[in-house]
Amino acid sequence: MKNKKYKGRSTEAIHAGETLSTLPTGTTEHQVGKTGVPLLPPIYQNSTFQFQSASECASAFIDEESGYVYTRWGNPTQEVLEQKIAALEGGEAALATASGMGAISTALLTALAEGGHVVAMETLYSATFHLLNEDLTQMGVETTFVDATDLDKIESAVRPDTKVIYLESPTNPLLKLVDLAACAEIANTHDITSIIDNTFATPCGQQPITLGIDIVLHSMTKYLSGNGAVVAGVIVGEKGFIEHAQKGALRNFGAVISPFNAWLTLLGIPTLPLRFEKHCENALPIAAFLEEHPAIDWVRYPGLPSHPQHELAKRQMNGFGGMITMELKGGRAAGEALVNRLQICSLAVSLGDVRTLVCHPASTTHSHVPIEVRQQTGITDGLVRFSIGLEDAEDIIADLEQALGILL
């Protein structure tokens, strides 16, 4: 039952990965209870699992498919979550991690086990930029950062030792889009692993694996959990890659998700399709409002016809998401004045929450990126990023209108 394919995304989000009991092999009737089995997947908040005999325990170390041994190696609660995410992304398997950066670092360490070269987007989540630009360089990995919206620049950056093409689409925070099918074709031609951080789009907004991308990453801290209570990540892809990552980089570097965070994320996943629909429904009129405001220089939202890659968005996305980026005419001072006056929109550096969140990337999420890199890639002092929540759109607009009023 856990591998069953469903026609609808909402059905998949609720039922994928769940068996009748969602209990580990060997659970007895006494342990389950005679009145039935849990409807909600249970949380196995334990570090280790006991065995009936020495031979059974030894066998588990030889054949890990025979049962659970130690939560750093795997856990029933985690496994249900992984099967659910794999189904939503259309991947063969998934591996949950302790954070989004745990997923990113584990995937890159797996793909770059013997060093090599990476071609990456020039605008990335700041921690990813530092991982590639600083930490992995100490392990002999080199990265060439390019404007991946230009396919020729990706192609020209490929070297004989290139092992990974690393992407975001939409990018953080500028919401640029990458032609995923074309990038996948470049990667396949050169036998390179293609990896994308799909956090902004979610599996409801786009499924990169169906477009040819090899590995998909998420910070489940964001839209997948949706509750602002979890720090978690996930890697989705071909089963062999996932098994290699699980038994290698994840197990040895230890970015293991806790059973409790896996369970909290499982509480959020069933409502993801419904929440994503509302995020999109709210974001479009809000983006349109912002685009017409005299205090704003420009607005980027994939659903707006003014977005430079709007046609690509319509072609490869199932929904335009809840992220909006805008440039204020007054620079950093205007940005600070705006966020200080907002009432419904919360000043916070995360995204994908039920609440509308706003941040100023240059002074927060990307403040440690060298200023010359920020300026070169378009992360200016007047840039403000919104993660549109599930409040009523008219209330969010009213809050923005009153806050922007002080800038006129």
Protein backbone atom coordinates (compact mmCIF):
# COMPACT_ATOMS: atom_id res chain seq x y z
CA MET A 1 0.00 0.00 0.00
CA LYS A 2 2.84 2.41 0.78
CA ASN A 3 3.96 2.47 -2.87
CA LYS A 4 0.49 3.00 -4.32
CA LYS A 5 0.18 5.84 -6.84
CA TYR A 6 -2.73 8.22 -6.44
CA LYS A 7 -4.26 10.45 -9.11
CA GLY A 8 -4.72 13.50 -6.91
CA ARG A 9 -2.03 15.52 -5.12
CA SER A 10 -4.13 15.98 -1.99
CA THR A 11 -4.83 12.25 -1.72
CA GLU A 12 -1.13 11.60 -2.16
CA ALA A 13 -0.19 14.11 0.56
CA ILE A 14 -2.55 12.41 3.01
CA HIS A 15 -2.10 8.72 2.20
CA ALA A 16 1.24 8.16 0.44
CA GLY A 17 3.77 6.22 2.52
CA GLU A 18 1.24 4.99 5.05
CA THR A 19 0.41 1.33 5.56
CA LEU A 20 -2.55 0.03 7.54
CA SER A 21 -0.63 0.41 10.79
CA THR A 22 2.57 2.27 9.85
CA LEU A 23 4.30 0.15 12.48
CA PRO A 24 7.71 -1.53 12.28
CA THR A 25 8.09 -5.21 11.50
CA GLY A 26 7.59 -7.40 14.56
CA THR A 27 5.18 -5.14 16.46
CA THR A 28 2.85 -7.34 18.44
CA GLU A 29 -0.88 -7.14 18.88
CA HIS A 30 -0.35 -6.30 22.54
CA GLN A 31 1.82 -3.32 21.57
CA VAL A 32 -0.70 -2.04 19.04
CA GLY A 33 -3.76 -2.45 21.20
CA LYS A 34 -6.71 -4.73 20.52
CA THR A 35 -9.09 -1.93 19.53
CA GLY A 36 -7.26 -1.03 16.36
CA VAL A 37 -4.16 0.57 14.94
CA PRO A 38 -3.16 4.27 14.94
CA LEU A 39 -4.80 6.42 12.28
CA LEU A 40 -2.00 8.99 12.55
CA PRO A 41 1.52 7.62 12.01
CA PRO A 42 3.04 7.20 15.48
CA ILE A 43 6.17 8.92 16.69
CA TYR A 44 8.99 6.54 17.57
CA GLN A 45 10.89 8.86 19.88
CA ASN A 46 13.65 6.43 20.71
CA SER A 47 17.33 6.22 19.88
CA THR A 48 17.67 2.46 19.49
CA PHE A 49 15.68 -0.74 18.88
CA GLN A 50 15.90 -4.02 20.76
CA PHE A 51 16.18 -7.54 19.37
CA GLN A 52 15.03 -10.94 20.53
CA SER A 53 18.39 -12.67 20.04
CA ALA A 54 22.06 -12.09 19.25
CA SER A 55 21.67 -13.63 15.80
CA GLU A 56 18.71 -11.36 14.98
CA CYS A 57 20.72 -8.32 16.06
CA ALA A 58 23.74 -9.39 14.02
CA SER A 59 21.56 -10.00 10.96
CA ALA A 60 20.20 -6.46 11.16
CA PHE A 61 23.73 -5.10 10.82
CA ILE A 62 24.30 -7.22 7.74
CA ASP A 63 20.90 -6.69 6.14
CA GLU A 64 19.55 -3.28 7.17
CA GLU A 65 16.31 -3.94 5.31
CA SER A 66 15.43 -6.57 7.92
CA GLY A 67 14.64 -4.07 10.66
CA TYR A 68 15.53 -0.89 12.52
CA VAL A 69 18.73 -0.73 14.55
CA TYR A 70 19.51 2.82 15.61
CA THR A 71 17.73 6.08 14.82
CA ARG A 72 20.85 7.60 13.25
CA TRP A 73 20.49 4.80 10.69
CA GLY A 74 16.73 5.12 10.25
CA ASN A 75 13.46 5.34 12.14
CA PRO A 76 9.85 4.27 11.33
CA THR A 77 8.47 7.80 11.72
CA GLN A 78 11.18 9.16 9.44
CA GLU A 79 10.52 6.44 6.87
CA VAL A 80 6.83 7.32 6.53
CA LEU A 81 7.78 10.96 5.94
CA GLU A 82 10.37 9.99 3.34
CA GLN A 83 7.95 7.81 1.40
CA LYS A 84 5.38 10.60 1.41
CA ILE A 85 7.81 13.23 0.09
CA ALA A 86 9.19 10.86 -2.54
CA ALA A 87 5.66 10.28 -3.81
CA LEU A 88 4.90 14.01 -3.93
CA GLU A 89 8.10 14.77 -5.87
CA GLY A 90 7.83 11.76 -8.16
CA GLY A 91 11.16 10.35 -6.98
CA GLU A 92 12.20 6.77 -6.29
CA ALA A 93 13.25 7.48 -2.70
CA ALA A 94 13.85 10.25 -0.17
CA LEU A 95 16.08 10.92 2.81
CA ALA A 96 15.01 13.24 5.61
CA THR A 97 17.66 15.34 7.37
CA ALA A 98 18.00 17.58 10.40
CA SER A 99 17.74 20.81 8.37
CA GLY A 100 17.62 22.18 4.87
CA MET A 101 21.38 22.72 5.01
CA GLY A 102 21.70 19.13 6.22
CA ALA A 103 20.00 18.06 2.99
CA ILE A 104 22.12 20.36 0.82
CA SER A 105 25.44 19.40 2.40
CA THR A 106 24.60 15.68 2.45
CA ALA A 107 23.60 15.70 -1.22
CA LEU A 108 26.71 17.63 -2.28
CA LEU A 109 29.05 15.48 -0.19
CA THR A 110 27.51 12.39 -1.78
CA ALA A 111 27.81 13.69 -5.33
CA LEU A 112 31.32 15.05 -4.69
CA ALA A 113 32.71 12.10 -2.76
CA GLU A 114 36.01 12.33 -4.65
CA GLY A 115 36.13 16.12 -5.05
CA GLY A 116 35.50 17.79 -8.36
CA HIS A 117 33.91 20.89 -9.81
CA VAL A 118 30.45 22.44 -9.40
CA VAL A 119 28.58 24.79 -11.70
CA ALA A 120 26.14 26.75 -9.53
CA MET A 121 23.66 29.59 -9.71
CA GLU A 122 25.22 32.97 -8.92
CA THR A 123 22.31 33.83 -6.61
CA LEU A 124 21.69 31.20 -3.97
CA TYR A 125 20.54 30.85 -0.41
CA SER A 126 23.41 32.46 1.51
CA ALA A 127 24.35 29.36 3.54
CA THR A 128 24.55 27.35 0.30
CA PHE A 129 26.80 30.02 -1.19
CA HIS A 130 29.13 29.81 1.81
CA LEU A 131 29.17 26.01 1.71
CA LEU A 132 30.26 26.06 -1.93
CA ASN A 133 32.48 29.13 -1.78
CA GLU A 134 34.27 28.39 1.49
CA ASP A 135 33.69 25.05 3.23
CA LEU A 136 33.84 22.69 0.26
CA THR A 137 36.88 24.48 -1.16
CA GLN A 138 38.81 23.10 1.84
CA MET A 139 37.95 19.64 0.51
CA GLY A 140 39.30 20.38 -2.95
CA VAL A 141 35.95 21.26 -4.53
CA GLU A 142 35.85 24.21 -6.91
CA THR A 143 32.68 26.08 -7.86
CA THR A 144 31.99 28.32 -10.83
CA PHE A 145 29.04 30.65 -10.19
CA VAL A 146 27.06 31.63 -13.29
CA ASP A 147 23.82 33.27 -14.29
CA ALA A 148 21.96 30.01 -14.88
CA THR A 149 19.13 31.81 -16.65
CA ASP A 150 21.59 31.89 -19.57
CA LEU A 151 22.02 28.28 -20.71
CA ASP A 152 25.13 29.14 -22.72
CA LYS A 153 26.85 30.26 -19.53
CA ILE A 154 26.10 26.91 -17.88
CA GLU A 155 27.40 25.03 -20.89
CA SER A 156 30.57 27.10 -21.14
CA ALA A 157 31.30 26.65 -17.40
CA VAL A 158 31.29 22.84 -17.62
CA ARG A 159 34.73 21.27 -17.25
CA PRO A 160 35.95 17.66 -17.59
CA ASP A 161 35.89 17.35 -13.77
CA THR A 162 32.43 18.93 -13.33
CA LYS A 163 30.29 16.60 -11.22
CA VAL A 164 27.33 18.77 -10.20
CA ILE A 165 25.12 21.47 -11.67
CA TYR A 166 23.44 23.12 -8.68
CA LEU A 167 20.28 25.19 -9.15
CA GLU A 168 17.50 27.07 -7.43
CA SER A 169 14.30 27.98 -9.27
CA PRO A 170 12.77 30.33 -8.25
CA THR A 171 16.01 31.67 -6.76
CA ASN A 172 16.43 33.12 -3.29
CA PRO A 173 15.78 36.04 -3.07
CA LEU A 174 15.47 37.41 -6.63
CA LEU A 175 12.94 34.85 -7.92
CA LYS A 176 14.80 34.18 -11.15
CA LEU A 177 13.73 31.03 -12.99
CA VAL A 178 15.85 28.38 -14.65
CA ASP A 179 14.77 26.26 -17.61
CA LEU A 180 14.97 22.97 -15.75
CA ALA A 181 14.44 20.65 -18.71
CA ALA A 182 17.22 22.39 -20.65
CA CYS A 183 19.58 22.30 -17.66
CA ALA A 184 18.85 18.60 -17.18
CA GLU A 185 19.71 17.98 -20.82
CA ILE A 186 23.08 19.73 -20.40
CA ALA A 187 23.78 17.67 -17.28
CA ASN A 188 22.84 14.40 -18.96
CA THR A 189 24.95 15.17 -22.01
CA HIS A 190 28.04 15.57 -19.83
CA ASP A 191 27.14 12.83 -17.30
CA ILE A 192 26.78 15.39 -14.51
CA THR A 193 24.46 15.13 -11.50
CA SER A 194 21.83 17.91 -11.55
CA ILE A 195 20.60 19.12 -8.16
CA ILE A 196 17.91 21.70 -7.39
CA ASP A 197 16.69 23.33 -4.21
CA ASN A 198 12.92 23.24 -4.77
CA THR A 199 11.96 24.88 -1.47
CA PHE A 200 10.34 28.00 -2.96
CA ALA A 201 8.20 26.09 -5.47
CA THR A 202 7.29 23.02 -3.35
CA PRO A 203 6.24 19.74 -5.02
CA CYS A 204 2.88 21.38 -5.68
CA GLY A 205 4.46 24.19 -7.69
CA GLN A 206 6.82 22.09 -9.79
CA GLN A 207 8.27 18.58 -9.95
CA PRO A 208 11.83 18.92 -11.26
CA ILE A 209 12.36 15.15 -11.51
CA THR A 210 9.65 14.95 -14.17
CA LEU A 211 11.68 17.57 -16.10
CA GLY A 212 14.85 15.47 -15.94
CA ILE A 213 16.57 16.83 -12.82
CA ASP A 214 18.34 14.11 -10.81
CA ILE A 215 18.14 15.29 -7.20
CA VAL A 216 15.60 17.55 -5.49
CA LEU A 217 16.18 19.22 -2.12
CA HIS A 218 13.86 20.95 0.32
CA SER A 219 14.12 22.82 3.54
CA MET A 220 11.09 21.17 5.15
CA THR A 221 11.33 23.96 7.71
CA LYS A 222 9.41 26.03 5.18
CA TYR A 223 6.33 25.10 3.13
CA LEU A 224 6.38 21.34 3.68
CA SER A 225 5.83 21.61 7.42
CA GLY A 226 4.15 24.99 7.15
CA ASN A 227 3.84 25.51 10.88
CA GLY A 228 7.00 27.40 11.82
CA ALA A 229 7.77 24.78 14.47
CA VAL A 230 10.17 22.50 12.61
CA VAL A 231 13.75 22.58 11.35
CA ALA A 232 14.20 19.78 8.80
CA GLY A 233 15.30 18.97 5.26
CA VAL A 234 14.91 16.25 2.64
CA ILE A 235 16.70 14.83 -0.41
CA VAL A 236 14.69 13.14 -3.19
CA GLY A 237 16.03 11.17 -6.11
CA GLU A 238 17.13 7.84 -7.50
CA LYS A 239 17.19 5.04 -4.94
CA GLY A 240 20.91 4.28 -5.36
CA PHE A 241 21.89 7.90 -4.69
CA ILE A 242 19.64 8.08 -1.63
CA GLU A 243 21.02 4.85 -0.17
CA HIS A 244 24.57 6.08 -0.77
CA ALA A 245 23.76 9.36 0.99
CA GLN A 246 22.07 7.59 3.91
CA LYS A 247 24.85 5.10 4.56
CA GLY A 248 27.62 7.60 3.90
CA ALA A 249 27.45 11.37 4.37
CA LEU A 250 24.27 11.48 6.46
CA ARG A 251 25.21 8.68 8.83
CA ASN A 252 28.82 9.78 9.24
CA PHE A 253 28.38 13.55 9.40
CA GLY A 254 25.24 13.13 11.50
CA ALA A 255 22.68 15.55 10.06
CA VAL A 256 19.92 13.17 11.18
CA ILE A 257 16.35 14.33 11.65
CA SER A 258 14.82 13.73 15.08
CA PRO A 259 11.72 11.49 15.17
CA PHE A 260 9.79 14.34 16.77
CA ASN A 261 10.58 16.77 13.94
CA ALA A 262 9.77 14.06 11.39
CA TRP A 263 6.41 13.58 13.10
CA LEU A 264 5.69 17.32 13.26
CA THR A 265 6.42 17.56 9.54
CA LEU A 266 4.06 14.65 8.91
CA LEU A 267 1.33 16.74 10.56
CA GLY A 268 1.91 19.51 8.01
CA ILE A 269 2.27 17.54 4.78
CA PRO A 270 -1.43 16.55 4.36
CA THR A 271 -2.46 20.21 4.14
CA LEU A 272 0.36 21.26 1.79
CA PRO A 273 -1.71 21.22 -1.45
CA LEU A 274 -4.48 23.25 0.18
CA ARG A 275 -2.04 25.68 1.78
CA PHE A 276 -0.04 26.11 -1.44
CA GLU A 277 -3.21 26.93 -3.36
CA LYS A 278 -4.04 29.66 -0.84
CA HIS A 279 -0.47 31.03 -0.88
CA CYS A 280 -0.75 31.39 -4.67
CA GLU A 281 -4.27 32.81 -4.50
CA ASN A 282 -3.09 35.51 -2.07
CA ALA A 283 0.23 36.32 -3.71
CA LEU A 284 -1.01 37.33 -7.16
CA PRO A 285 -3.28 40.26 -6.13
CA ILE A 286 -0.72 41.38 -3.55
CA ALA A 287 2.03 41.40 -6.18
CA ALA A 288 -0.24 43.35 -8.52
CA PHE A 289 -0.94 45.90 -5.77
CA LEU A 290 2.75 46.34 -5.03
CA GLU A 291 3.61 46.72 -8.70
CA GLU A 292 1.35 49.79 -8.94
CA HIS A 293 2.59 51.47 -5.76
CA PRO A 294 4.60 54.69 -6.33
CA ALA A 295 7.11 53.90 -3.54
CA ILE A 296 8.23 50.72 -5.32
CA ASP A 297 10.66 50.59 -8.22
CA TRP A 298 9.86 47.03 -9.39
CA VAL A 299 8.24 43.78 -8.26
CA ARG A 300 9.22 40.20 -9.11
CA TYR A 301 6.61 37.48 -8.95
CA PRO A 302 6.51 34.61 -11.48
CA GLY A 303 2.76 35.01 -11.87
CA LEU A 304 3.00 38.60 -13.07
CA PRO A 305 3.24 39.19 -16.84
CA SER A 306 6.02 41.68 -16.05
CA HIS A 307 8.29 38.92 -14.71
CA PRO A 308 11.09 38.47 -17.28
CA GLN A 309 10.47 34.71 -17.35
CA HIS A 310 6.71 34.64 -16.98
CA GLU A 311 6.29 32.39 -20.02
CA LEU A 312 8.79 29.89 -18.60
CA ALA A 313 6.92 29.98 -15.30
CA LYS A 314 3.67 29.13 -17.07
CA ARG A 315 5.39 26.28 -18.90
CA GLN A 316 7.19 24.53 -16.05
CA MET A 317 5.30 25.51 -12.89
CA ASN A 318 1.92 24.30 -11.65
CA GLY A 319 1.55 27.33 -9.41
CA PHE A 320 3.53 30.54 -8.96
CA GLY A 321 4.02 30.22 -5.20
CA GLY A 322 3.85 32.65 -2.32
CA MET A 323 7.20 34.46 -2.62
CA ILE A 324 7.37 38.10 -3.78
CA THR A 325 10.47 40.30 -4.06
CA MET A 326 10.39 44.05 -4.59
CA GLU A 327 12.80 46.97 -4.85
CA LEU A 328 11.97 50.07 -2.82
CA LYS A 329 12.95 53.43 -4.28
CA GLY A 330 14.32 54.66 -0.95
CA GLY A 331 16.96 51.95 -0.46
CA ARG A 332 17.86 50.54 2.95
CA ALA A 333 16.31 53.39 4.94
CA ALA A 334 12.98 52.82 3.18
CA GLY A 335 13.23 49.08 3.80
CA GLU A 336 13.81 49.57 7.52
CA ALA A 337 10.97 52.08 7.77
CA LEU A 338 8.63 49.68 5.98
CA VAL A 339 9.32 46.60 8.09
CA ASN A 340 9.17 48.62 11.31
CA ARG A 341 5.66 49.81 10.50
CA LEU A 342 4.10 46.54 9.34
CA GLN A 343 1.59 45.01 11.73
CA ILE A 344 0.18 41.81 10.19
CA CYS A 345 3.32 40.98 8.21
CA SER A 346 5.89 39.60 10.64
CA LEU A 347 9.57 40.48 10.44
CA ALA A 348 11.23 37.06 10.25
CA VAL A 349 13.86 35.44 8.02
CA SER A 350 12.07 32.19 7.22
CA LEU A 351 9.30 31.52 4.70
CA GLY A 352 6.45 29.17 3.85
CA ASP A 353 4.66 29.84 7.14
CA VAL A 354 0.91 30.30 7.54
CA ARG A 355 1.80 33.87 8.54
CA THR A 356 3.05 36.49 6.09
CA LEU A 357 6.76 37.04 6.71
CA VAL A 358 8.97 39.88 5.47
CA CYS A 359 12.73 40.26 5.48
CA HIS A 360 15.44 42.58 4.18
CA PRO A 361 18.00 40.20 2.61
CA ALA A 362 20.95 42.60 2.45
CA SER A 363 20.92 43.11 6.23
CA THR A 364 19.77 39.63 7.28
CA THR A 365 19.80 36.43 5.20
CA HIS A 366 22.50 37.63 2.77
CA SER A 367 24.38 40.03 5.06
CA HIS A 368 27.44 37.73 5.17
CA VAL A 369 27.64 37.50 1.39
CA PRO A 370 30.40 39.90 0.27
CA ILE A 371 28.90 43.25 -0.73
CA GLU A 372 30.49 43.10 -4.18
CA VAL A 373 28.81 39.74 -4.79
CA ARG A 374 25.46 41.09 -3.58
CA GLN A 375 25.70 44.11 -5.86
CA GLN A 376 26.82 42.01 -8.81
CA THR A 377 23.92 39.60 -8.43
CA GLY A 378 21.25 42.24 -7.73
CA ILE A 379 20.74 41.85 -3.98
CA THR A 380 20.52 45.57 -3.33
CA ASP A 381 19.93 47.52 -0.13
CA GLY A 382 16.38 48.33 -1.25
CA LEU A 383 15.39 44.70 -1.82
CA VAL A 384 12.57 43.34 0.36
CA ARG A 385 11.31 39.73 0.28
CA PHE A 386 7.82 38.65 1.24
CA SER A 387 6.57 35.17 2.03
CA ILE A 388 2.82 35.60 1.64
CA GLY A 389 0.83 33.71 4.24
CA LEU A 390 -2.71 32.46 4.60
CA GLU A 391 -4.33 35.57 6.05
CA ASP A 392 -7.03 37.25 3.98
CA ALA A 393 -5.40 39.01 1.05
CA GLU A 394 -7.30 42.25 1.65
CA ASP A 395 -5.90 42.45 5.20
CA ILE A 396 -2.34 41.92 3.98
CA ILE A 397 -2.81 44.60 1.32
CA ALA A 398 -4.24 47.02 3.89
CA ASP A 399 -1.21 46.45 6.12
CA LEU A 400 1.18 47.02 3.22
CA GLU A 401 -0.70 50.12 2.15
CA GLN A 402 -0.49 51.79 5.55
CA ALA A 403 3.19 50.89 5.96
CA LEU A 404 4.17 52.05 2.47
CA GLY A 405 2.29 55.29 3.02
CA ILE A 406 5.10 56.70 5.17
CA LEU A 407 7.49 56.41 2.20
CA LEU A 408 5.54 58.83 0.00
